[in-house]
C-alpha cells in the first residue's frame, strides 16, 4: 500500500538588509593580528602609522573589513610582480 507523502522543501532565505546583518562590518586589531599572524603590538603599530587601514572610534581602533581586504589584495598583487 502506497501512501501519499507531501515533502516540505525549505524556503530560500529572504535577502536581508546589510545594515541588519549580524556580522560586524569591522575587525578588531586582535582579529587582524590573528588573520595576518602578527603580534598585537606590531599590528597596533601598523594601524597607528597608517600601514593597515583603520579608523579610530573614540579610544578604539577598528579596521573596516572591505578596506582591509582591498588593501591586503593590493599587497598580494604587488608581491607577485
N, C-alpha and C. Protein backbone atom coordinates (compact mmCIF):
# COMPACT_ATOMS: atom_id res chain seq x y z
N UNK A 1 0.83 -1.16 0.00
CA UNK A 1 0.00 0.00 0.00
C UNK A 1 0.89 1.25 0.00
N UNK A 2 0.66 2.13 -0.96
CA UNK A 2 1.43 3.38 -1.06
C UNK A 2 0.71 4.50 -0.36
N UNK A 3 1.49 5.29 0.31
CA UNK A 3 0.93 6.47 0.97
C UNK A 3 1.30 7.70 0.18
N UNK A 4 0.42 8.62 0.17
CA UNK A 4 0.73 9.91 -0.42
C UNK A 4 1.50 10.72 0.63
N UNK A 5 2.67 11.13 0.26
CA UNK A 5 3.52 11.87 1.19
C UNK A 5 3.81 13.24 0.59
N UNK A 6 3.60 14.23 1.39
CA UNK A 6 3.94 15.59 0.97
C UNK A 6 5.28 15.92 1.60
N UNK A 7 6.21 16.28 0.74
CA UNK A 7 7.53 16.63 1.24
C UNK A 7 7.67 18.13 1.26
N UNK A 8 8.02 18.66 2.40
CA UNK A 8 8.21 20.10 2.53
C UNK A 8 9.64 20.47 2.14
N UNK A 9 9.74 21.43 1.28
CA UNK A 9 11.05 21.92 0.85
C UNK A 9 11.28 23.26 1.53
N UNK A 10 12.43 23.41 2.19
CA UNK A 10 12.67 24.69 2.88
C UNK A 10 12.69 25.86 1.90
N UNK A 11 12.10 26.94 2.33
CA UNK A 11 12.07 28.16 1.52
C UNK A 11 13.44 28.82 1.58
N UNK A 12 13.95 29.31 0.45
CA UNK A 12 15.25 30.01 0.49
C UNK A 12 15.13 31.26 1.36
N UNK A 13 16.21 31.62 2.03
CA UNK A 13 16.13 32.81 2.90
C UNK A 13 15.90 34.08 2.09
N UNK A 14 15.14 34.97 2.68
CA UNK A 14 14.89 36.26 2.05
C UNK A 14 16.18 37.09 2.09
N UNK A 15 16.43 37.87 1.04
CA UNK A 15 17.62 38.74 1.10
C UNK A 15 17.48 39.69 2.28
N UNK A 16 18.53 39.77 3.06
CA UNK A 16 18.45 40.60 4.26
C UNK A 16 19.05 41.98 4.01
N UNK A 17 18.68 42.88 4.83
CA UNK A 17 19.22 44.23 4.80
C UNK A 17 20.64 44.18 5.37
N UNK A 18 21.66 44.63 4.61
CA UNK A 18 23.03 44.56 5.13
C UNK A 18 23.21 45.28 6.46
N UNK A 19 22.42 46.31 6.69
CA UNK A 19 22.55 47.05 7.95
C UNK A 19 22.08 46.21 9.14
N UNK A 20 21.18 45.25 8.90
CA UNK A 20 20.71 44.43 9.99
C UNK A 20 21.44 43.10 10.07
N UNK A 21 22.45 42.92 9.25
CA UNK A 21 23.24 41.68 9.25
C UNK A 21 23.93 41.53 10.60
N UNK A 22 23.99 40.30 11.09
CA UNK A 22 24.57 40.05 12.41
C UNK A 22 26.09 40.12 12.42
N UNK A 23 26.74 40.01 11.26
CA UNK A 23 28.19 40.06 11.25
C UNK A 23 28.67 41.50 11.22
N UNK A 24 29.62 41.83 12.07
CA UNK A 24 30.14 43.20 12.11
C UNK A 24 30.85 43.59 10.80
N UNK A 25 30.82 44.85 10.48
CA UNK A 25 31.46 45.36 9.26
C UNK A 25 32.92 45.68 9.50
N UNK A 26 33.39 45.48 10.72
CA UNK A 26 34.77 45.83 11.05
C UNK A 26 35.45 44.68 11.79
N UNK A 27 36.78 44.69 11.71
CA UNK A 27 37.61 43.79 12.51
C UNK A 27 38.18 44.57 13.68
N UNK A 28 38.51 43.86 14.75
CA UNK A 28 39.27 44.46 15.83
C UNK A 28 40.76 44.29 15.49
N UNK A 29 41.59 45.02 16.19
CA UNK A 29 43.03 44.88 15.97
C UNK A 29 43.48 43.45 16.28
N UNK A 30 42.93 42.86 17.31
CA UNK A 30 43.28 41.49 17.67
C UNK A 30 42.91 40.50 16.56
N UNK A 31 41.73 40.70 15.94
CA UNK A 31 41.32 39.82 14.84
C UNK A 31 42.25 39.96 13.64
N UNK A 32 42.64 41.19 13.31
CA UNK A 32 43.56 41.40 12.19
C UNK A 32 44.92 40.80 12.50
N UNK A 33 45.38 40.95 13.74
CA UNK A 33 46.66 40.34 14.13
C UNK A 33 46.61 38.84 13.91
N UNK A 34 45.52 38.22 14.29
CA UNK A 34 45.36 36.78 14.10
C UNK A 34 45.32 36.42 12.62
N UNK A 35 44.58 37.20 11.82
CA UNK A 35 44.49 36.94 10.38
C UNK A 35 45.84 37.03 9.68
N UNK A 36 46.67 37.97 10.13
CA UNK A 36 47.97 38.20 9.49
C UNK A 36 49.11 37.45 10.19
N UNK A 37 48.79 36.73 11.24
CA UNK A 37 49.81 36.01 12.04
C UNK A 37 50.88 36.97 12.55
N UNK A 38 50.42 38.10 13.08
CA UNK A 38 51.31 39.11 13.66
C UNK A 38 50.98 39.25 15.14
N UNK A 39 51.91 39.83 15.89
CA UNK A 39 51.62 40.12 17.29
C UNK A 39 50.67 41.32 17.35
N UNK A 40 49.98 41.45 18.47
CA UNK A 40 49.10 42.60 18.64
C UNK A 40 49.88 43.90 18.62
N UNK A 41 51.08 43.90 19.22
CA UNK A 41 51.90 45.11 19.27
C UNK A 41 52.29 45.59 17.88
N UNK A 42 52.74 44.68 17.03
CA UNK A 42 53.11 45.03 15.64
C UNK A 42 51.88 45.50 14.89
N UNK A 43 50.75 44.85 15.11
CA UNK A 43 49.52 45.23 14.41
C UNK A 43 49.06 46.61 14.85
N UNK A 44 49.11 46.90 16.16
CA UNK A 44 48.76 48.24 16.63
C UNK A 44 49.69 49.29 16.03
N UNK A 45 50.98 49.01 15.97
CA UNK A 45 51.93 49.96 15.38
C UNK A 45 51.60 50.21 13.92
N UNK A 46 51.24 49.16 13.19
CA UNK A 46 50.90 49.29 11.76
C UNK A 46 49.60 50.07 11.57
N UNK A 47 48.68 49.91 12.49
CA UNK A 47 47.42 50.66 12.43
C UNK A 47 47.70 52.13 12.73
N UNK A 48 48.49 52.40 13.76
CA UNK A 48 48.79 53.79 14.14
C UNK A 48 49.54 54.54 13.04
N UNK A 49 50.49 53.86 12.37
CA UNK A 49 51.26 54.58 11.34
C UNK A 49 50.59 54.57 9.97
N UNK A 50 49.39 53.96 9.87
CA UNK A 50 48.64 54.02 8.62
C UNK A 50 48.95 52.91 7.64
N UNK A 51 49.84 51.99 7.99
CA UNK A 51 50.15 50.89 7.09
C UNK A 51 48.91 50.02 6.86
N UNK A 52 48.22 49.69 7.94
CA UNK A 52 46.96 48.95 7.86
C UNK A 52 45.83 49.97 7.95
N UNK A 53 44.89 49.97 6.99
CA UNK A 53 43.81 50.97 7.02
C UNK A 53 42.90 50.75 8.22
N UNK A 54 42.72 51.79 9.02
CA UNK A 54 41.90 51.68 10.22
C UNK A 54 41.28 53.02 10.56
N UNK A 55 40.28 52.96 11.42
CA UNK A 55 39.60 54.17 11.91
C UNK A 55 39.65 54.17 13.43
N UNK A 56 39.80 55.35 13.97
CA UNK A 56 39.75 55.48 15.43
C UNK A 56 38.33 55.88 15.80
N UNK A 57 37.70 55.09 16.63
CA UNK A 57 36.35 55.37 17.10
C UNK A 57 36.45 55.51 18.62
N UNK A 58 36.43 56.75 19.06
CA UNK A 58 36.66 57.02 20.49
C UNK A 58 38.08 56.63 20.82
N UNK A 59 38.24 55.74 21.76
CA UNK A 59 39.59 55.30 22.14
C UNK A 59 39.94 53.96 21.49
N UNK A 60 39.09 53.50 20.59
CA UNK A 60 39.23 52.18 19.99
C UNK A 60 39.58 52.26 18.52
N UNK A 61 40.43 51.36 18.07
CA UNK A 61 40.74 51.24 16.64
C UNK A 61 39.88 50.13 16.05
N UNK A 62 39.30 50.38 14.88
CA UNK A 62 38.57 49.36 14.13
C UNK A 62 39.07 49.35 12.70
N UNK A 63 39.03 48.19 12.08
CA UNK A 63 39.51 48.03 10.71
C UNK A 63 38.33 47.60 9.85
N UNK A 64 37.86 48.49 8.95
CA UNK A 64 36.75 48.12 8.07
C UNK A 64 37.12 46.90 7.21
N UNK A 65 36.27 45.90 7.19
CA UNK A 65 36.58 44.65 6.51
C UNK A 65 36.86 44.85 5.02
N UNK A 66 36.01 45.60 4.32
CA UNK A 66 36.21 45.81 2.88
C UNK A 66 37.54 46.50 2.59
N UNK A 67 37.82 47.57 3.32
CA UNK A 67 39.08 48.29 3.11
C UNK A 67 40.28 47.41 3.42
N UNK A 68 40.16 46.61 4.48
CA UNK A 68 41.26 45.72 4.86
C UNK A 68 41.54 44.70 3.75
N UNK A 69 40.49 44.07 3.24
CA UNK A 69 40.68 43.04 2.22
C UNK A 69 41.15 43.65 0.89
N UNK A 70 40.69 44.84 0.57
CA UNK A 70 41.18 45.54 -0.63
C UNK A 70 42.67 45.85 -0.47
N UNK A 71 43.04 46.36 0.70
CA UNK A 71 44.45 46.65 0.99
C UNK A 71 45.28 45.38 0.91
N UNK A 72 44.80 44.31 1.51
CA UNK A 72 45.54 43.05 1.52
C UNK A 72 45.68 42.48 0.11
N UNK A 73 44.61 42.52 -0.68
CA UNK A 73 44.68 42.05 -2.07
C UNK A 73 45.69 42.86 -2.86
N UNK A 74 45.73 44.17 -2.64
CA UNK A 74 46.71 45.02 -3.33
C UNK A 74 48.13 44.69 -2.93
N UNK A 75 48.35 44.38 -1.66
CA UNK A 75 49.69 44.00 -1.19
C UNK A 75 50.11 42.69 -1.84
N UNK A 76 49.16 41.76 -1.95
CA UNK A 76 49.49 40.46 -2.54
C UNK A 76 49.77 40.59 -4.03
N UNK A 77 49.04 41.47 -4.72
CA UNK A 77 49.28 41.69 -6.15
C UNK A 77 50.66 42.30 -6.35
N UNK A 78 51.06 43.21 -5.47
CA UNK A 78 52.38 43.84 -5.57
C UNK A 78 53.52 42.86 -5.40
N UNK A 79 53.31 41.82 -4.59
CA UNK A 79 54.35 40.81 -4.36
C UNK A 79 54.50 39.85 -5.53
N UNK A 80 53.45 39.69 -6.34
CA UNK A 80 53.50 38.75 -7.46
C UNK A 80 54.38 39.28 -8.59
N UNK A 81 54.57 40.59 -8.64
CA UNK A 81 55.31 41.18 -9.75
C UNK A 81 56.78 41.00 -9.62
